Amino acid sequence: MKKSRDHLEMTFRSIECFSNDGKLDAQELGSILDIAERDGNIDADEIRVLKNIISKITPDEIDDAMQIKLDEIAEKIK
């Protein structure tokens, strides 16, 4: 079985999102989560990347939509 490289795509996508305006919004985070979920499994590399991306989100970026997305991710990767 070929090892997934989705975590690399997730990392690249997060760099694009942060670099376009310096912030990440709920829709952008959702699109990164979609990459992780598209094979039906969120693996350890994808979890590591998601946690790293989330660690870079600043408190001023967390609106209601972002909090909902963060809660959704927390539930899926616990």
PDB file of N, CA and C in Angstrom:
ATOM      1  N   MET A   1       0.839  -1.196   0.000  1.00  0.00           N
ATOM      2  CA  MET A   1       0.000   0.000   0.000  1.00  0.00           C
ATOM      3  C   MET A   1       0.880   1.254   0.000  1.00  0.00           C
ATOM      4  N   LYS A   2       0.594   2.160  -0.875  1.00  0.00           N
ATOM      5  CA  LYS A   2       1.364   3.387  -0.999  1.00  0.00           C
ATOM      6  C   LYS A   2       1.040   4.341   0.150  1.00  0.00           C
ATOM      7  N   LYS A   3       2.071   4.904   0.755  1.00  0.00           N
ATOM      8  CA  LYS A   3       1.876   5.847   1.855  1.00  0.00           C
ATOM      9  C   LYS A   3       1.294   7.145   1.307  1.00  0.00           C
ATOM     10  N   SER A   4       0.313   7.663   2.011  1.00  0.00           N
ATOM     11  CA  SER A   4      -0.335   8.900   1.606  1.00  0.00           C
ATOM     12  C   SER A   4       0.632  10.080   1.706  1.00  0.00           C
ATOM     13  N   ARG A   5       0.536  10.955   0.758  1.00  0.00           N
ATOM     14  CA  ARG A   5       1.325  12.191   0.784  1.00  0.00           C
ATOM     15  C   ARG A   5       0.406  13.399   1.006  1.00  0.00           C
ATOM     16  N   ASP A   6      -0.824  13.132   1.438  1.00  0.00           N
ATOM     17  CA  ASP A   6      -1.781  14.213   1.650  1.00  0.00           C
ATOM     18  C   ASP A   6      -1.268  15.231   2.661  1.00  0.00           C
ATOM     19  N   HIS A   7      -0.506  14.774   3.658  1.00  0.00           N
ATOM     20  CA  HIS A   7      -0.008  15.716   4.666  1.00  0.00           C
ATOM     21  C   HIS A   7       0.892  16.778   4.031  1.00  0.00           C
ATOM     22  N   LEU A   8       1.599  16.415   2.971  1.00  0.00           N
ATOM     23  CA  LEU A   8       2.434  17.403   2.278  1.00  0.00           C
ATOM     24  C   LEU A   8       1.565  18.426   1.556  1.00  0.00           C
ATOM     25  N   GLU A   9       0.508  17.946   0.934  1.00  0.00           N
ATOM     26  CA  GLU A   9      -0.424  18.857   0.266  1.00  0.00           C
ATOM     27  C   GLU A   9      -1.094  19.770   1.287  1.00  0.00           C
ATOM     28  N   MET A  10      -1.442  19.216   2.460  1.00  0.00           N
ATOM     29  CA  MET A  10      -2.057  20.020   3.526  1.00  0.00           C
ATOM     30  C   MET A  10      -1.111  21.138   3.974  1.00  0.00           C
ATOM     31  N   THR A  11       0.165  20.787   4.137  1.00  0.00           N
ATOM     32  CA  THR A  11       1.158  21.780   4.554  1.00  0.00           C
ATOM     33  C   THR A  11       1.283  22.883   3.517  1.00  0.00           C
ATOM     34  N   PHE A  12       1.388  22.499   2.244  1.00  0.00           N
ATOM     35  CA  PHE A  12       1.496  23.481   1.168  1.00  0.00           C
ATOM     36  C   PHE A  12       0.266  24.384   1.135  1.00  0.00           C
ATOM     37  N   ARG A  13      -0.907  23.791   1.268  1.00  0.00           N
ATOM     38  CA  ARG A  13      -2.161  24.565   1.253  1.00  0.00           C
ATOM     39  C   ARG A  13      -2.211  25.551   2.418  1.00  0.00           C
ATOM     40  N   SER A  14      -1.753  25.135   3.594  1.00  0.00           N
ATOM     41  CA  SER A  14      -1.771  26.043   4.744  1.00  0.00           C
ATOM     42  C   SER A  14      -0.827  27.221   4.530  1.00  0.00           C
ATOM     43  N   ILE A  15       0.313  26.960   3.908  1.00  0.00           N
ATOM     44  CA  ILE A  15       1.256  28.041   3.612  1.00  0.00           C
ATOM     45  C   ILE A  15       0.606  29.040   2.670  1.00  0.00           C
ATOM     46  N   GLU A  16      -0.087  28.545   1.648  1.00  0.00           N
ATOM     47  CA  GLU A  16      -0.810  29.425   0.720  1.00  0.00           C
ATOM     48  C   GLU A  16      -1.841  30.273   1.466  1.00  0.00           C
ATOM     49  N   CYS A  17      -2.611  29.634   2.349  1.00  0.00           N
ATOM     50  CA  CYS A  17      -3.675  30.339   3.070  1.00  0.00           C
ATOM     51  C   CYS A  17      -3.114  31.414   3.985  1.00  0.00           C
ATOM     52  N   PHE A  18      -2.082  31.075   4.749  1.00  0.00           N
ATOM     53  CA  PHE A  18      -1.489  32.048   5.664  1.00  0.00           C
ATOM     54  C   PHE A  18      -0.797  33.175   4.906  1.00  0.00           C
ATOM     55  N   SER A  19      -0.225  32.863   3.750  1.00  0.00           N
ATOM     56  CA  SER A  19       0.542  33.891   3.041  1.00  0.00           C
ATOM     57  C   SER A  19      -0.343  34.866   2.274  1.00  0.00           C
ATOM     58  N   ASN A  20      -1.569  34.474   1.932  1.00  0.00           N
ATOM     59  CA  ASN A  20      -2.387  35.395   1.132  1.00  0.00           C
ATOM     60  C   ASN A  20      -2.842  36.610   1.929  1.00  0.00           C
ATOM     61  N   ASP A  21      -3.144  36.424   3.239  1.00  0.00           N
ATOM     62  CA  ASP A  21      -3.507  37.583   4.060  1.00  0.00           C
ATOM     63  C   ASP A  21      -2.952  37.479   5.473  1.00  0.00           C
ATOM     64  N   GLY A  22      -2.089  36.512   5.699  1.00  0.00           N
ATOM     65  CA  GLY A  22      -1.480  36.346   7.011  1.00  0.00           C
ATOM     66  C   GLY A  22      -2.362  35.643   8.024  1.00  0.00           C
ATOM     67  N   LYS A  23      -3.542  35.247   7.602  1.00  0.00           N
ATOM     68  CA  LYS A  23      -4.500  34.615   8.506  1.00  0.00           C
ATOM     69  C   LYS A  23      -5.084  33.368   7.869  1.00  0.00           C
ATOM     70  N   LEU A  24      -5.735  32.595   8.717  1.00  0.00           N
ATOM     71  CA  LEU A  24      -6.436  31.407   8.265  1.00  0.00           C
ATOM     72  C   LEU A  24      -7.874  31.541   8.714  1.00  0.00           C
ATOM     73  N   ASP A  25      -8.823  31.338   7.801  1.00  0.00           N
ATOM     74  CA  ASP A  25     -10.226  31.396   8.206  1.00  0.00           C
ATOM     75  C   ASP A  25     -10.816  29.988   8.212  1.00  0.00           C
ATOM     76  N   ALA A  26     -12.047  29.884   8.695  1.00  0.00           N
ATOM     77  CA  ALA A  26     -12.687  28.577   8.864  1.00  0.00           C
ATOM     78  C   ALA A  26     -12.822  27.839   7.532  1.00  0.00           C
ATOM     79  N   GLN A  27     -13.120  28.553   6.472  1.00  0.00           N
ATOM     80  CA  GLN A  27     -13.266  27.914   5.157  1.00  0.00           C
ATOM     81  C   GLN A  27     -11.930  27.334   4.693  1.00  0.00           C
ATOM     82  N   GLU A  28     -10.854  28.086   4.891  1.00  0.00           N
ATOM     83  CA  GLU A  28      -9.532  27.598   4.500  1.00  0.00           C
ATOM     84  C   GLU A  28      -9.140  26.378   5.334  1.00  0.00           C
ATOM     85  N   LEU A  29      -9.394  26.441   6.642  1.00  0.00           N
ATOM     86  CA  LEU A  29      -9.097  25.298   7.501  1.00  0.00           C
ATOM     87  C   LEU A  29      -9.928  24.089   7.090  1.00  0.00           C
ATOM     88  N   GLY A  30     -11.176  24.335   6.722  1.00  0.00           N
ATOM     89  CA  GLY A  30     -12.043  23.255   6.247  1.00  0.00           C
ATOM     90  C   GLY A  30     -11.505  22.602   4.987  1.00  0.00           C
ATOM     91  N   SER A  31     -10.940  23.397   4.092  1.00  0.00           N
ATOM     92  CA  SER A  31     -10.397  22.829   2.854  1.00  0.00           C
ATOM     93  C   SER A  31      -9.166  21.978   3.151  1.00  0.00           C
ATOM     94  N   ILE A  32      -8.399  22.354   4.172  1.00  0.00           N
ATOM     95  CA  ILE A  32      -7.243  21.555   4.582  1.00  0.00           C
ATOM     96  C   ILE A  32      -7.714  20.249   5.220  1.00  0.00           C
ATOM     97  N   LEU A  33      -8.754  20.329   6.043  1.00  0.00           N
ATOM     98  CA  LEU A  33      -9.334  19.123   6.641  1.00  0.00           C
ATOM     99  C   LEU A  33      -9.868  18.195   5.554  1.00  0.00           C
ATOM    100  N   ASP A  34     -10.469  18.760   4.524  1.00  0.00           N
ATOM    101  CA  ASP A  34     -10.985  17.947   3.411  1.00  0.00           C
ATOM    102  C   ASP A  34      -9.882  17.101   2.776  1.00  0.00           C
ATOM    103  N   ILE A  35      -8.692  17.671   2.648  1.00  0.00           N
ATOM    104  CA  ILE A  35      -7.564  16.917   2.085  1.00  0.00           C
ATOM    105  C   ILE A  35      -7.268  15.708   2.976  1.00  0.00           C
ATOM    106  N   ALA A  36      -7.256  15.936   4.289  1.00  0.00           N
ATOM    107  CA  ALA A  36      -6.964  14.848   5.229  1.00  0.00           C
ATOM    108  C   ALA A  36      -8.015  13.747   5.172  1.00  0.00           C
ATOM    109  N   GLU A  37      -9.259  14.128   4.947  1.00  0.00           N
ATOM    110  CA  GLU A  37     -10.363  13.168   5.004  1.00  0.00           C
ATOM    111  C   GLU A  37     -10.680  12.487   3.682  1.00  0.00           C
ATOM    112  N   ARG A  38     -10.116  12.934   2.597  1.00  0.00           N
ATOM    113  CA  ARG A  38     -10.570  12.436   1.293  1.00  0.00           C
ATOM    114  C   ARG A  38     -10.323  10.954   1.070  1.00  0.00           C
ATOM    115  N   ASP A  39      -9.359  10.372   1.790  1.00  0.00           N
ATOM    116  CA  ASP A  39      -9.148   8.928   1.649  1.00  0.00           C
ATOM    117  C   ASP A  39      -9.900   8.143   2.721  1.00  0.00           C
ATOM    118  N   GLY A  40     -10.726   8.834   3.503  1.00  0.00           N
ATOM    119  CA  GLY A  40     -11.542   8.165   4.502  1.00  0.00           C
ATOM    120  C   GLY A  40     -10.845   7.918   5.819  1.00  0.00           C
ATOM    121  N   ASN A  41      -9.609   8.397   5.942  1.00  0.00           N
ATOM    122  CA  ASN A  41      -8.835   8.148   7.153  1.00  0.00           C
ATOM    123  C   ASN A  41      -7.905   9.332   7.412  1.00  0.00           C
ATOM    124  N   ILE A  42      -7.898   9.818   8.644  1.00  0.00           N
ATOM    125  CA  ILE A  42      -6.948  10.864   9.019  1.00  0.00           C
ATOM    126  C   ILE A  42      -5.793  10.164   9.715  1.00  0.00           C
ATOM    127  N   ASP A  43      -4.638  10.087   9.025  1.00  0.00           N
ATOM    128  CA  ASP A  43      -3.504   9.337   9.576  1.00  0.00           C
ATOM    129  C   ASP A  43      -2.647  10.201  10.502  1.00  0.00           C
ATOM    130  N   ALA A  44      -1.631   9.591  11.091  1.00  0.00           N
ATOM    131  CA  ALA A  44      -0.793  10.278  12.083  1.00  0.00           C
ATOM    132  C   ALA A  44      -0.090  11.502  11.494  1.00  0.00           C
ATOM    133  N   ASP A  45       0.389  11.407  10.260  1.00  0.00           N
ATOM    134  CA  ASP A  45       1.048  12.554   9.625  1.00  0.00           C
ATOM    135  C   ASP A  45       0.065  13.702   9.430  1.00  0.00           C
ATOM    136  N   GLU A  46      -1.148  13.378   9.011  1.00  0.00           N
ATOM    137  CA  GLU A  46      -2.166  14.413   8.802  1.00  0.00           C
ATOM    138  C   GLU A  46      -2.570  15.051  10.127  1.00  0.00           C
ATOM    139  N   ILE A  47      -2.678  14.253  11.179  1.00  0.00           N
ATOM    140  CA  ILE A  47      -2.995  14.796  12.502  1.00  0.00           C
ATOM    141  C   ILE A  47      -1.886  15.744  12.956  1.00  0.00           C
ATOM    142  N   ARG A  48      -0.640  15.330  12.760  1.00  0.00           N
ATOM    143  CA  ARG A  48       0.494  16.175  13.140  1.00  0.00           C
ATOM    144  C   ARG A  48       0.435  17.512  12.406  1.00  0.00           C
ATOM    145  N   VAL A  49       0.149  17.473  11.105  1.00  0.00           N
ATOM    146  CA  VAL A  49       0.069  18.702  10.312  1.00  0.00           C
ATOM    147  C   VAL A  49      -1.104  19.559  10.787  1.00  0.00           C
ATOM    148  N   LEU A  50      -2.253  18.950  11.019  1.00  0.00           N
ATOM    149  CA  LEU A  50      -3.411  19.719  11.507  1.00  0.00           C
ATOM    150  C   LEU A  50      -3.092  20.408  12.834  1.00  0.00           C
ATOM    151  N   LYS A  51      -2.480  19.684  13.758  1.00  0.00           N
ATOM    152  CA  LYS A  51      -2.133  20.276  15.062  1.00  0.00           C
ATOM    153  C   LYS A  51      -1.140  21.424  14.885  1.00  0.00           C
ATOM    154  N   ASN A  52      -0.197  21.260  13.979  1.00  0.00           N
ATOM    155  CA  ASN A  52       0.780  22.315  13.726  1.00  0.00           C
ATOM    156  C   ASN A  52       0.096  23.553  13.141  1.00  0.00           C
ATOM    157  N   ILE A  53      -0.801  23.356  12.198  1.00  0.00           N
ATOM    158  CA  ILE A  53      -1.536  24.474  11.597  1.00  0.00           C
ATOM    159  C   ILE A  53      -2.365  25.178  12.664  1.00  0.00           C
ATOM    160  N   ILE A  54      -3.085  24.410  13.467  1.00  0.00           N
ATOM    161  CA  ILE A  54      -3.942  24.986  14.502  1.00  0.00           C
ATOM    162  C   ILE A  54      -3.110  25.774  15.515  1.00  0.00           C
ATOM    163  N   SER A  55      -1.902  25.310  15.806  1.00  0.00           N
ATOM    164  CA  SER A  55      -1.053  26.012  16.774  1.00  0.00           C
ATOM    165  C   SER A  55      -0.649  27.404  16.295  1.00  0.00           C
ATOM    166  N   LYS A  56      -0.747  27.648  15.002  1.00  0.00           N
ATOM    167  CA  LYS A  56      -0.377  28.949  14.438  1.00  0.00           C
ATOM    168  C   LYS A  56      -1.560  29.929  14.361  1.00  0.00           C
ATOM    169  N   ILE A  57      -2.744  29.453  14.673  1.00  0.00           N
ATOM    170  CA  ILE A  57      -3.922  30.317  14.636  1.00  0.00           C
ATOM    171  C   ILE A  57      -3.904  31.222  15.861  1.00  0.00           C
ATOM    172  N   THR A  58      -4.052  32.517  15.625  1.00  0.00           N
ATOM    173  CA  THR A  58      -4.032  33.474  16.732  1.00  0.00           C
ATOM    174  C   THR A  58      -5.452  33.686  17.273  1.00  0.00           C
ATOM    175  N   PRO A  59      -5.564  34.105  18.536  1.00  0.00           N
ATOM    176  CA  PRO A  59      -6.898  34.294  19.133  1.00  0.00           C
ATOM    177  C   PRO A  59      -7.810  35.222  18.328  1.00  0.00           C
ATOM    178  N   ASP A  60      -7.243  36.237  17.682  1.00  0.00           N
ATOM    179  CA  ASP A  60      -8.089  37.157  16.912  1.00  0.00           C
ATOM    180  C   ASP A  60      -8.641  36.528  15.627  1.00  0.00           C
ATOM    181  N   GLU A  61      -8.129  35.372  15.247  1.00  0.00           N
ATOM    182  CA  GLU A  61      -8.638  34.666  14.070  1.00  0.00           C
ATOM    183  C   GLU A  61      -9.815  33.752  14.426  1.00  0.00           C
ATOM    184  N   ILE A  62     -10.057  33.544  15.699  1.00  0.00           N
ATOM    185  CA  ILE A  62     -11.073  32.582  16.122  1.00  0.00           C
ATOM    186  C   ILE A  62     -12.423  33.278  16.291  1.00  0.00           C
ATOM    187  N   ASP A  63     -13.196  33.280  15.206  1.00  0.00           N
ATOM    188  CA  ASP A  63     -14.582  33.754  15.262  1.00  0.00           C
ATOM    189  C   ASP A  63     -15.470  32.535  15.472  1.00  0.00           C
ATOM    190  N   ASP A  64     -16.768  32.719  15.421  1.00  0.00           N
ATOM    191  CA  ASP A  64     -17.687  31.604  15.677  1.00  0.00           C
ATOM    192  C   ASP A  64     -17.479  30.460  14.688  1.00  0.00           C
ATOM    193  N   ALA A  65     -17.337  30.791  13.413  1.00  0.00           N
ATOM    194  CA  ALA A  65     -17.160  29.757  12.383  1.00  0.00           C
ATOM    195  C   ALA A  65     -15.857  28.988  12.613  1.00  0.00           C
ATOM    196  N   MET A  66     -14.800  29.703  12.973  1.00  0.00           N
ATOM    197  CA  MET A  66     -13.514  29.047  13.225  1.00  0.00           C
ATOM    198  C   MET A  66     -13.612  28.140  14.455  1.00  0.00           C
ATOM    199  N   GLN A  67     -14.303  28.589  15.495  1.00  0.00           N
ATOM    200  CA  GLN A  67     -14.429  27.771  16.697  1.00  0.00           C
ATOM    201  C   GLN A  67     -15.183  26.473  16.394  1.00  0.00           C
ATOM    202  N   ILE A  68     -16.218  26.579  15.578  1.00  0.00           N
ATOM    203  CA  ILE A  68     -16.973  25.384  15.180  1.00  0.00           C
ATOM    204  C   ILE A  68     -16.051  24.411  14.429  1.00  0.00           C
ATOM    205  N   LYS A  69     -15.247  24.939  13.508  1.00  0.00           N
ATOM    206  CA  LYS A  69     -14.324  24.096  12.728  1.00  0.00           C
ATOM    207  C   LYS A  69     -13.263  23.491  13.631  1.00  0.00           C
ATOM    208  N   LEU A  70     -12.741  24.263  14.579  1.00  0.00           N
ATOM    209  CA  LEU A  70     -11.732  23.741  15.510  1.00  0.00           C
ATOM    210  C   LEU A  70     -12.318  22.619  16.369  1.00  0.00           C
ATOM    211  N   ASP A  71     -13.552  22.814  16.836  1.00  0.00           N
ATOM    212  CA  ASP A  71     -14.226  21.777  17.632  1.00  0.00           C
ATOM    213  C   ASP A  71     -14.432  20.501  16.808  1.00  0.00           C
ATOM    214  N   GLU A  72     -14.819  20.678  15.547  1.00  0.00           N
ATOM    215  CA  GLU A  72     -15.022  19.538  14.642  1.00  0.00           C
ATOM    216  C   GLU A  72     -13.717  18.756  14.462  1.00  0.00           C
ATOM    217  N   ILE A  73     -12.632  19.476  14.249  1.00  0.00           N
ATOM    218  CA  ILE A  73     -11.333  18.827  14.059  1.00  0.00           C
ATOM    219  C   ILE A  73     -10.911  18.124  15.349  1.00  0.00           C
ATOM    220  N   ALA A  74     -11.076  18.780  16.487  1.00  0.00           N
ATOM    221  CA  ALA A  74     -10.689  18.187  17.764  1.00  0.00           C
ATOM    222  C   ALA A  74     -11.413  16.871  17.977  1.00  0.00           C
ATOM    223  N   GLU A  75     -12.684  16.824  17.607  1.00  0.00           N
ATOM    224  CA  GLU A  75     -13.476  15.606  17.762  1.00  0.00           C
ATOM    225  C   GLU A  75     -12.955  14.491  16.849  1.00  0.00           C
ATOM    226  N   LYS A  76     -12.499  14.861  15.658  1.00  0.00           N
ATOM    227  CA  LYS A  76     -12.066  13.853  14.680  1.00  0.00           C
ATOM    228  C   LYS A  76     -10.665  13.316  14.939  1.00  0.00           C
ATOM    229  N   ILE A  77      -9.825  14.090  15.627  1.00  0.00           N
ATOM    230  CA  ILE A  77      -8.432  13.659  15.784  1.00  0.00           C
ATOM    231  C   ILE A  77      -8.083  13.277  17.216  1.00  0.00           C
ATOM    232  N   LYS A  78      -9.072  13.170  18.072  1.00  0.00           N
ATOM    233  CA  LYS A  78      -8.743  12.815  19.463  1.00  0.00           C
ATOM    234  C   LYS A  78      -8.376  11.369  19.626  1.00  0.00           C
TER     235      LYS A  78
END
